[in-house]
C-alpha atoms as a PDB file:
ATOM      1  CA  MET A   1      -4.318  10.444  28.517  1.00  0.00           C
ATOM      2  CA  THR A   2      -7.216  12.446  26.903  1.00  0.00           C
ATOM      3  CA  ALA A   3     -10.606  11.222  25.327  1.00  0.00           C
ATOM      4  CA  PHE A   4      -9.758  12.154  21.785  1.00  0.00           C
ATOM      5  CA  SER A   5      -6.234  10.399  22.074  1.00  0.00           C
ATOM      6  CA  ILE A   6      -8.300   7.388  22.992  1.00  0.00           C
ATOM      7  CA  LEU A   7     -10.658   7.467  19.995  1.00  0.00           C
ATOM      8  CA  LEU A   8      -7.845   8.078  17.930  1.00  0.00           C
ATOM      9  CA  PHE A   9      -5.798   5.138  18.617  1.00  0.00           C
ATOM     10  CA  VAL A  10      -8.530   2.684  19.144  1.00  0.00           C
ATOM     11  CA  GLY A  11     -10.532   4.420  16.081  1.00  0.00           C
ATOM     12  CA  THR A  12      -7.460   4.320  13.516  1.00  0.00           C
ATOM     13  CA  PHE A  13      -6.289   0.658  14.757  1.00  0.00           C
ATOM     14  CA  ALA A  14      -9.898  -0.810  14.407  1.00  0.00           C
ATOM     15  CA  LEU A  15      -9.682   0.476  10.677  1.00  0.00           C
ATOM     16  CA  SER A  16      -6.236  -0.453   9.854  1.00  0.00           C
ATOM     17  CA  LEU A  17      -7.445  -3.995  11.764  1.00  0.00           C
ATOM     18  CA  TRP A  18     -10.483  -4.103   9.538  1.00  0.00           C
ATOM     19  CA  ALA A  19      -8.688  -3.301   6.524  1.00  0.00           C
ATOM     20  CA  THR A  20      -6.267  -6.121   7.083  1.00  0.00           C
ATOM     21  CA  TRP A  21      -8.891  -8.839   7.663  1.00  0.00           C
ATOM     22  CA  ARG A  22     -10.739  -7.644   4.655  1.00  0.00           C
ATOM     23  CA  VAL A  23      -7.750  -8.311   2.393  1.00  0.00           C
ATOM     24  CA  LYS A  24      -6.626 -11.121   3.703  1.00  0.00           C
ATOM     25  CA  ALA A  25     -10.544 -12.844   3.692  1.00  0.00           C
ATOM     26  CA  THR A  26     -10.873 -11.967   0.138  1.00  0.00           C
ATOM     27  CA  TYR A  27      -7.789 -13.039  -0.774  1.00  0.00           C
ATOM     28  CA  ALA A  28      -8.332 -16.546   0.325  1.00  0.00           C
ATOM     29  CA  LYS A  29     -11.894 -16.632  -1.087  1.00  0.00           C
ATOM     30  CA  TYR A  30     -10.469 -15.845  -4.662  1.00  0.00           C
ATOM     31  CA  SER A  31      -7.267 -17.816  -4.073  1.00  0.00           C
ATOM     32  CA  GLN A  32      -9.532 -20.505  -4.140  1.00  0.00           C
ATOM     33  CA  VAL A  33     -10.933 -19.463  -7.388  1.00  0.00           C
ATOM     34  CA  PRO A  34      -9.254 -20.850 -10.286  1.00  0.00           C
ATOM     35  CA  SER A  35      -8.787 -18.184 -13.535  1.00  0.00           C
ATOM     36  CA  SER A  36     -10.060 -19.893 -16.545  1.00  0.00           C
ATOM     37  CA  VAL A  37      -6.737 -19.078 -18.633  1.00  0.00           C
ATOM     38  CA  GLY A  38      -4.977 -21.495 -16.394  1.00  0.00           C
ATOM     39  CA  LEU A  39      -2.013 -19.344 -15.947  1.00  0.00           C
ATOM     40  CA  SER A  40       0.178 -19.062 -13.133  1.00  0.00           C
ATOM     41  CA  GLY A  41       0.904 -15.659 -11.519  1.00  0.00           C
ATOM     42  CA  ALA A  42       4.428 -15.604 -12.733  1.00  0.00           C
ATOM     43  CA  ASP A  43       2.963 -16.565 -16.607  1.00  0.00           C
ATOM     44  CA  VAL A  44       0.559 -13.788 -16.259  1.00  0.00           C
ATOM     45  CA  ALA A  45       3.121 -11.276 -15.317  1.00  0.00           C
ATOM     46  CA  ALA A  46       5.529 -12.124 -18.208  1.00  0.00           C
ATOM     47  CA  HIS A  47       3.030 -11.783 -20.706  1.00  0.00           C
ATOM     48  CA  ILE A  48       2.097  -8.525 -19.947  1.00  0.00           C
ATOM     49  CA  LEU A  49       5.468  -7.057 -19.253  1.00  0.00           C
ATOM     50  CA  GLN A  50       6.404  -8.847 -22.670  1.00  0.00           C
ATOM     51  CA  ARG A  51       3.183  -6.915 -24.108  1.00  0.00           C
ATOM     52  CA  ALA A  52       4.225  -3.458 -22.601  1.00  0.00           C
ATOM     53  CA  GLY A  53       7.697  -3.862 -24.198  1.00  0.00           C
ATOM     54  CA  ILE A  54       9.273  -4.534 -20.790  1.00  0.00           C
ATOM     55  CA  GLY A  55      12.227  -6.848 -21.139  1.00  0.00           C
ATOM     56  CA  ASP A  56      14.797  -6.174 -18.384  1.00  0.00           C
ATOM     57  CA  ILE A  57      12.282  -6.671 -15.142  1.00  0.00           C
ATOM     58  CA  GLN A  58      13.130 -10.124 -13.553  1.00  0.00           C
ATOM     59  CA  ILE A  59      10.107 -11.833 -11.855  1.00  0.00           C
ATOM     60  CA  VAL A  60      10.878 -13.995  -8.791  1.00  0.00           C
ATOM     61  CA  GLU A  61       9.754 -16.102  -6.074  1.00  0.00           C
ATOM     62  CA  SER A  62       9.279 -14.729  -2.638  1.00  0.00           C
ATOM     63  CA  ASN A  63       8.234 -17.207   0.266  1.00  0.00           C
ATOM     64  CA  GLN A  64       6.381 -14.064   2.364  1.00  0.00           C
ATOM     65  CA  LEU A  65       2.734 -14.202   2.226  1.00  0.00           C
ATOM     66  CA  LEU A  66       1.078 -11.387   0.317  1.00  0.00           C
ATOM     67  CA  GLY A  67       4.791  -9.817   0.231  1.00  0.00           C
ATOM     68  CA  ASP A  68       3.853  -8.986  -3.798  1.00  0.00           C
ATOM     69  CA  HIS A  69       5.834  -5.788  -4.783  1.00  0.00           C
ATOM     70  CA  TYR A  70       7.804  -4.324  -7.834  1.00  0.00           C
ATOM     71  CA  ASP A  71      11.056  -3.290  -7.051  1.00  0.00           C
ATOM     72  CA  PRO A  72      12.294  -0.225  -9.076  1.00  0.00           C
ATOM     73  CA  MET A  73      15.529  -0.172  -7.950  1.00  0.00           C
ATOM     74  CA  ASN A  74      16.587  -4.039  -8.733  1.00  0.00           C
ATOM     75  CA  ARG A  75      14.177  -4.113 -11.382  1.00  0.00           C
ATOM     76  CA  ARG A  76      12.293  -7.034  -9.948  1.00  0.00           C
ATOM     77  CA  LEU A  77       8.762  -7.934  -9.804  1.00  0.00           C
ATOM     78  CA  VAL A  78       8.605 -10.118  -6.467  1.00  0.00           C
ATOM     79  CA  LEU A  79       5.446 -12.276  -6.078  1.00  0.00           C
ATOM     80  CA  SER A  80       4.671 -14.693  -3.247  1.00  0.00           C
ATOM     81  CA  SER A  81       4.901 -18.199  -3.960  1.00  0.00           C
ATOM     82  CA  ASP A  82       0.956 -18.654  -3.681  1.00  0.00           C
ATOM     83  CA  ASN A  83       0.833 -15.938  -6.727  1.00  0.00           C
ATOM     84  CA  PHE A  84       3.996 -16.759  -8.473  1.00  0.00           C
ATOM     85  CA  ARG A  85       2.658 -20.365  -8.617  1.00  0.00           C
ATOM     86  CA  GLY A  86      -0.954 -20.150  -8.730  1.00  0.00           C
ATOM     87  CA  THR A  87      -3.657 -19.853 -11.005  1.00  0.00           C
ATOM     88  CA  SER A  88      -6.391 -18.385  -9.222  1.00  0.00           C
ATOM     89  CA  THR A  89      -8.030 -15.099 -10.210  1.00  0.00           C
ATOM     90  CA  ALA A  90      -6.396 -13.906  -7.216  1.00  0.00           C
ATOM     91  CA  ALA A  91      -2.942 -14.460  -8.609  1.00  0.00           C
ATOM     92  CA  MET A  92      -4.104 -13.226 -12.077  1.00  0.00           C
ATOM     93  CA  GLY A  93      -5.295 -10.072 -10.595  1.00  0.00           C
ATOM     94  CA  VAL A  94      -2.030  -9.324  -7.784  1.00  0.00           C
ATOM     95  CA  ALA A  95       0.650 -10.576 -10.511  1.00  0.00           C
ATOM     96  CA  ALA A  96      -1.507  -7.966 -13.024  1.00  0.00           C
ATOM     97  CA  HIS A  97      -1.472  -4.984 -10.422  1.00  0.00           C
ATOM     98  CA  GLU A  98       2.321  -5.575  -9.760  1.00  0.00           C
ATOM     99  CA  CYS A  99       2.885  -5.292 -13.434  1.00  0.00           C
ATOM    100  CA  GLY A 100       0.938  -1.912 -13.722  1.00  0.00           C
ATOM    101  CA  HIS A 101       3.518  -0.477 -11.338  1.00  0.00           C
ATOM    102  CA  ALA A 102       6.442  -1.577 -13.951  1.00  0.00           C
ATOM    103  CA  ILE A 103       4.285   0.050 -16.981  1.00  0.00           C
ATOM    104  CA  GLN A 104       4.355   3.433 -14.439  1.00  0.00           C
ATOM    105  CA  HIS A 105       8.133   3.218 -14.012  1.00  0.00           C
ATOM    106  CA  LYS A 106       8.281   2.858 -17.907  1.00  0.00           C
ATOM    107  CA  LEU A 107       6.013   6.058 -18.417  1.00  0.00           C
ATOM    108  CA  ALA A 108       7.733   7.432 -15.646  1.00  0.00           C
ATOM    109  CA  TYR A 109       4.170   8.200 -13.289  1.00  0.00           C
ATOM    110  CA  ALA A 110       4.803  11.245 -11.549  1.00  0.00           C
ATOM    111  CA  PRO A 111       3.478   9.918  -8.554  1.00  0.00           C
ATOM    112  CA  LEU A 112       5.311   6.970  -8.474  1.00  0.00           C
ATOM    113  CA  GLY A 113       8.488   9.015  -9.125  1.00  0.00           C
ATOM    114  CA  TRP A 114       7.429  11.328  -6.131  1.00  0.00           C
ATOM    115  CA  ARG A 115       6.835   8.230  -3.456  1.00  0.00           C
ATOM    116  CA  MET A 116      10.290   6.787  -4.642  1.00  0.00           C
ATOM    117  CA  ALA A 117      11.968   9.469  -3.994  1.00  0.00           C
ATOM    118  CA  SER A 118      10.640  10.156  -0.214  1.00  0.00           C
ATOM    119  CA  VAL A 119      11.266   6.432   0.647  1.00  0.00           C
ATOM    120  CA  HIS A 120      13.999   7.281   2.958  1.00  0.00           C
ATOM    121  CA  LEU A 121      12.809  10.442   4.306  1.00  0.00           C
ATOM    122  CA  VAL A 122       9.772   8.454   5.504  1.00  0.00           C
ATOM    123  CA  GLY A 123      12.017   5.865   6.931  1.00  0.00           C
ATOM    124  CA  PHE A 124      13.234   9.117   8.854  1.00  0.00           C
ATOM    125  CA  ALA A 125       9.607  10.062   9.762  1.00  0.00           C
ATOM    126  CA  ASN A 126       8.583   6.833  10.970  1.00  0.00           C
ATOM    127  CA  MET A 127      11.361   6.951  13.383  1.00  0.00           C
ATOM    128  CA  ALA A 128      10.768  10.032  14.841  1.00  0.00           C
ATOM    129  CA  VAL A 129       7.113   9.097  15.223  1.00  0.00           C
ATOM    130  CA  ALA A 130       8.108   6.023  17.229  1.00  0.00           C
ATOM    131  CA  PHE A 131      10.971   7.355  19.506  1.00  0.00           C
ATOM    132  CA  LEU A 132      10.372  11.231  19.856  1.00  0.00           C
ATOM    133  CA  PRO A 133       7.063  11.026  22.194  1.00  0.00           C
ATOM    134  CA  ILE A 134       8.999   9.013  24.917  1.00  0.00           C
ATOM    135  CA  PHE A 135      12.118  11.287  24.535  1.00  0.00           C
ATOM    136  CA  GLY A 136       9.594  14.163  24.979  1.00  0.00           C
ATOM    137  CA  PHE A 137       7.926  12.815  27.834  1.00  0.00           C
ATOM    138  CA  VAL A 138      10.934  12.173  29.611  1.00  0.00           C
ATOM    139  CA  THR A 139      12.969  15.220  28.900  1.00  0.00           C
ATOM    140  CA  HIS A 140       9.385  17.423  29.629  1.00  0.00           C
ATOM    141  CA  MET A 141      10.599  19.197  25.908  1.00  0.00           C
ATOM    142  CA  LEU A 142       6.878  18.893  24.798  1.00  0.00           C
ATOM    143  CA  ARG A 143       6.803  21.931  22.421  1.00  0.00           C
ATOM    144  CA  PRO A 144       9.616  20.911  20.478  1.00  0.00           C
ATOM    145  CA  MET A 145       8.619  17.252  20.420  1.00  0.00           C
ATOM    146  CA  LEU A 146       5.373  18.204  19.098  1.00  0.00           C
ATOM    147  CA  ILE A 147       6.807  20.194  16.437  1.00  0.00           C
ATOM    148  CA  ILE A 148       9.221  17.931  15.255  1.00  0.00           C
ATOM    149  CA  LEU A 149       6.285  15.015  15.446  1.00  0.00           C
ATOM    150  CA  CYS A 150       3.694  17.187  13.055  1.00  0.00           C
ATOM    151  CA  PHE A 151       7.021  17.571  10.637  1.00  0.00           C
ATOM    152  CA  ALA A 152       7.153  13.586  10.979  1.00  0.00           C
ATOM    153  CA  TRP A 153       3.687  12.888  10.487  1.00  0.00           C
ATOM    154  CA  ALA A 154       2.920  15.272   7.672  1.00  0.00           C
ATOM    155  CA  ILE A 155       5.879  13.597   5.586  1.00  0.00           C
ATOM    156  CA  ILE A 156       3.988  10.139   6.491  1.00  0.00           C
ATOM    157  CA  MET A 157       0.893  11.564   5.575  1.00  0.00           C
ATOM    158  CA  VAL A 158       1.605  13.319   2.029  1.00  0.00           C
ATOM    159  CA  PHE A 159       3.637   9.954   1.490  1.00  0.00           C
ATOM    160  CA  ASN A 160       0.432   7.983   2.124  1.00  0.00           C
ATOM    161  CA  LEU A 161      -1.267  10.326   0.179  1.00  0.00           C
ATOM    162  CA  ILE A 162       0.553   9.857  -3.127  1.00  0.00           C
ATOM    163  CA  THR A 163       0.291   6.437  -2.535  1.00  0.00           C
ATOM    164  CA  LEU A 164      -3.466   6.381  -3.143  1.00  0.00           C
ATOM    165  CA  PRO A 165      -3.330   7.070  -6.672  1.00  0.00           C
ATOM    166  CA  VAL A 166       0.065   5.113  -7.606  1.00  0.00           C
ATOM    167  CA  GLU A 167      -2.359   2.264  -6.161  1.00  0.00           C
ATOM    168  CA  PHE A 168      -5.376   2.881  -7.775  1.00  0.00           C
ATOM    169  CA  ASP A 169      -3.618   3.624 -11.176  1.00  0.00           C
ATOM    170  CA  ALA A 170      -1.818   0.359 -10.895  1.00  0.00           C
ATOM    171  CA  SER A 171      -5.044  -1.279 -10.390  1.00  0.00           C
ATOM    172  CA  ALA A 172      -6.919   0.404 -13.112  1.00  0.00           C
ATOM    173  CA  ARG A 173      -4.111  -0.602 -15.325  1.00  0.00           C
ATOM    174  CA  ALA A 174      -4.268  -4.109 -14.171  1.00  0.00           C
ATOM    175  CA  LYS A 175      -8.304  -4.722 -14.966  1.00  0.00           C
ATOM    176  CA  ARG A 176      -7.853  -2.877 -18.351  1.00  0.00           C
ATOM    177  CA  ILE A 177      -4.922  -4.871 -19.515  1.00  0.00           C
ATOM    178  CA  LEU A 178      -6.205  -8.104 -18.422  1.00  0.00           C
ATOM    179  CA  GLY A 179      -9.566  -7.553 -19.975  1.00  0.00           C
ATOM    180  CA  GLU A 180      -7.723  -6.228 -23.637  1.00  0.00           C
ATOM    181  CA  MET A 181      -5.588  -9.329 -23.326  1.00  0.00           C
ATOM    182  CA  GLY A 182      -8.143 -11.693 -23.158  1.00  0.00           C
ATOM    183  CA  PHE A 183      -7.251 -13.108 -19.493  1.00  0.00           C
ATOM    184  CA  TYR A 184     -11.328 -12.529 -18.589  1.00  0.00           C
ATOM    185  CA  ARG A 185     -12.728 -15.699 -20.181  1.00  0.00           C
ATOM    186  CA  SER A 186     -15.851 -15.449 -17.707  1.00  0.00           C
ATOM    187  CA  GLN A 187     -17.757 -13.662 -15.015  1.00  0.00           C
ATOM    188  CA  ALA A 188     -15.658 -15.136 -12.345  1.00  0.00           C
ATOM    189  CA  ASP A 189     -12.225 -14.118 -13.731  1.00  0.00           C
ATOM    190  CA  ALA A 190     -13.320 -10.349 -13.738  1.00  0.00           C
ATOM    191  CA  GLU A 191     -14.874 -10.448 -10.198  1.00  0.00           C
ATOM    192  CA  GLY A 192     -12.237 -12.370  -8.537  1.00  0.00           C
ATOM    193  CA  VAL A 193      -9.791  -9.870  -9.952  1.00  0.00           C
ATOM    194  CA  ASN A 194     -11.849  -6.993  -8.943  1.00  0.00           C
ATOM    195  CA  LYS A 195     -12.815  -8.164  -5.322  1.00  0.00           C
ATOM    196  CA  VAL A 196      -9.131  -8.719  -4.630  1.00  0.00           C
ATOM    197  CA  LEU A 197      -7.782  -5.256  -6.022  1.00  0.00           C
ATOM    198  CA  ASP A 198     -10.828  -3.278  -4.991  1.00  0.00           C
ATOM    199  CA  ALA A 199     -10.331  -4.941  -1.223  1.00  0.00           C
ATOM    200  CA  ALA A 200      -6.341  -3.969  -1.103  1.00  0.00           C
ATOM    201  CA  ALA A 201      -6.668  -0.528  -2.005  1.00  0.00           C
ATOM    202  CA  LEU A 202      -8.471  -0.075   1.402  1.00  0.00           C
ATOM    203  CA  THR A 203      -5.325  -0.437   3.320  1.00  0.00           C
ATOM    204  CA  TYR A 204      -3.837   2.538   1.574  1.00  0.00           C
ATOM    205  CA  VAL A 205      -7.039   4.133   2.289  1.00  0.00           C
ATOM    206  CA  ALA A 206      -6.942   3.002   5.954  1.00  0.00           C
ATOM    207  CA  ALA A 207      -2.891   4.280   6.565  1.00  0.00           C
ATOM    208  CA  PHE A 208      -3.924   7.654   5.044  1.00  0.00           C
ATOM    209  CA  ILE A 209      -6.548   8.135   7.502  1.00  0.00           C
ATOM    210  CA  THR A 210      -4.644   6.968  10.423  1.00  0.00           C
ATOM    211  CA  SER A 211      -1.793   9.492   9.363  1.00  0.00           C
ATOM    212  CA  LEU A 212      -3.904  12.378   9.100  1.00  0.00           C
ATOM    213  CA  GLY A 213      -5.618  11.644  12.682  1.00  0.00           C
ATOM    214  CA  TYR A 214      -2.141  11.481  14.198  1.00  0.00           C
ATOM    215  CA  LEU A 215      -1.044  14.668  12.046  1.00  0.00           C
ATOM    216  CA  LEU A 216      -4.121  16.308  13.765  1.00  0.00           C
ATOM    217  CA  TYR A 217      -3.510  15.096  17.192  1.00  0.00           C
ATOM    218  CA  TYR A 218       0.039  16.980  17.576  1.00  0.00           C
ATOM    219  CA  LEU A 219      -1.092  20.160  15.508  1.00  0.00           C
ATOM    220  CA  LEU A 220      -4.118  20.815  17.418  1.00  0.00           C
ATOM    221  CA  PRO A 221      -2.168  21.604  21.012  1.00  0.00           C
ATOM    222  CA  LEU A 222       0.352  23.903  19.082  1.00  0.00           C
ATOM    223  CA  LEU A 223      -2.403  25.679  17.232  1.00  0.00           C
ATOM    224  CA  GLY A 224      -4.573  25.877  21.116  1.00  0.00           C
ATOM    225  CA  GLY A 225      -1.126  27.524  22.388  1.00  0.00           C
ATOM    226  CA  GLY A 226      -0.239  24.064  23.708  1.00  0.00           C
ATOM    227  CA  ARG A 227      -2.585  23.868  26.297  1.00  0.00           C
ATOM    228  CA  ARG A 228      -3.808  20.143  25.985  1.00  0.00           C
ATOM    229  CA  ASN A 229      -3.245  17.612  29.034  1.00  0.00           C
ATOM    230  CA  TRP A 230      -0.507  15.561  27.939  1.00  0.00           C
ATOM    231  CA  ASP A 231      -0.583  13.792  30.996  1.00  0.00           C
END
């Protein structure tokens, strides 16, 4: 294993670990701060969707911690129990963020469409990067392995790149809509929402940097004639 591979693994692992810790710590803090409006995340989401003229999306509860997401295929807005029932500033921010994705879908926001269209392809790419290195080393077919891995990591990297504007835009919409609808009734409301959503954005940045790093890791030996020591 080369010094570069060790640095890449340790660096990206540390970055992802830090981003995940930051999200959990920030969420834990602001999930204890009640919003001034006193509505649950589910109620906040219902008001936002109604204002946006979206009436065909079901708001459902999930037992998965921080498993909040918008499901465009099944027209569902899924909120974890703490956010579905909770009345904290964190719950309000997360619910509004997922509504941001629903609004993107309604408006045919292009990056969201690109991400939705590439989900299955990214699934295959994730399988490739998980199993191909083992196959390549066992069969000693290193160059074909490197070429395929470069394509796979390029797909994942582009997917993560597309995800950045999708997530940043959803958060920006959430912050703006909450302000326009009068959900910010104190400085603590705005601070809680901003801190939680900004921390969540770091995980997507970390994912992009990680995929870019591994793409370069497999691409450089091809550009250099395949002389890197892979033992």
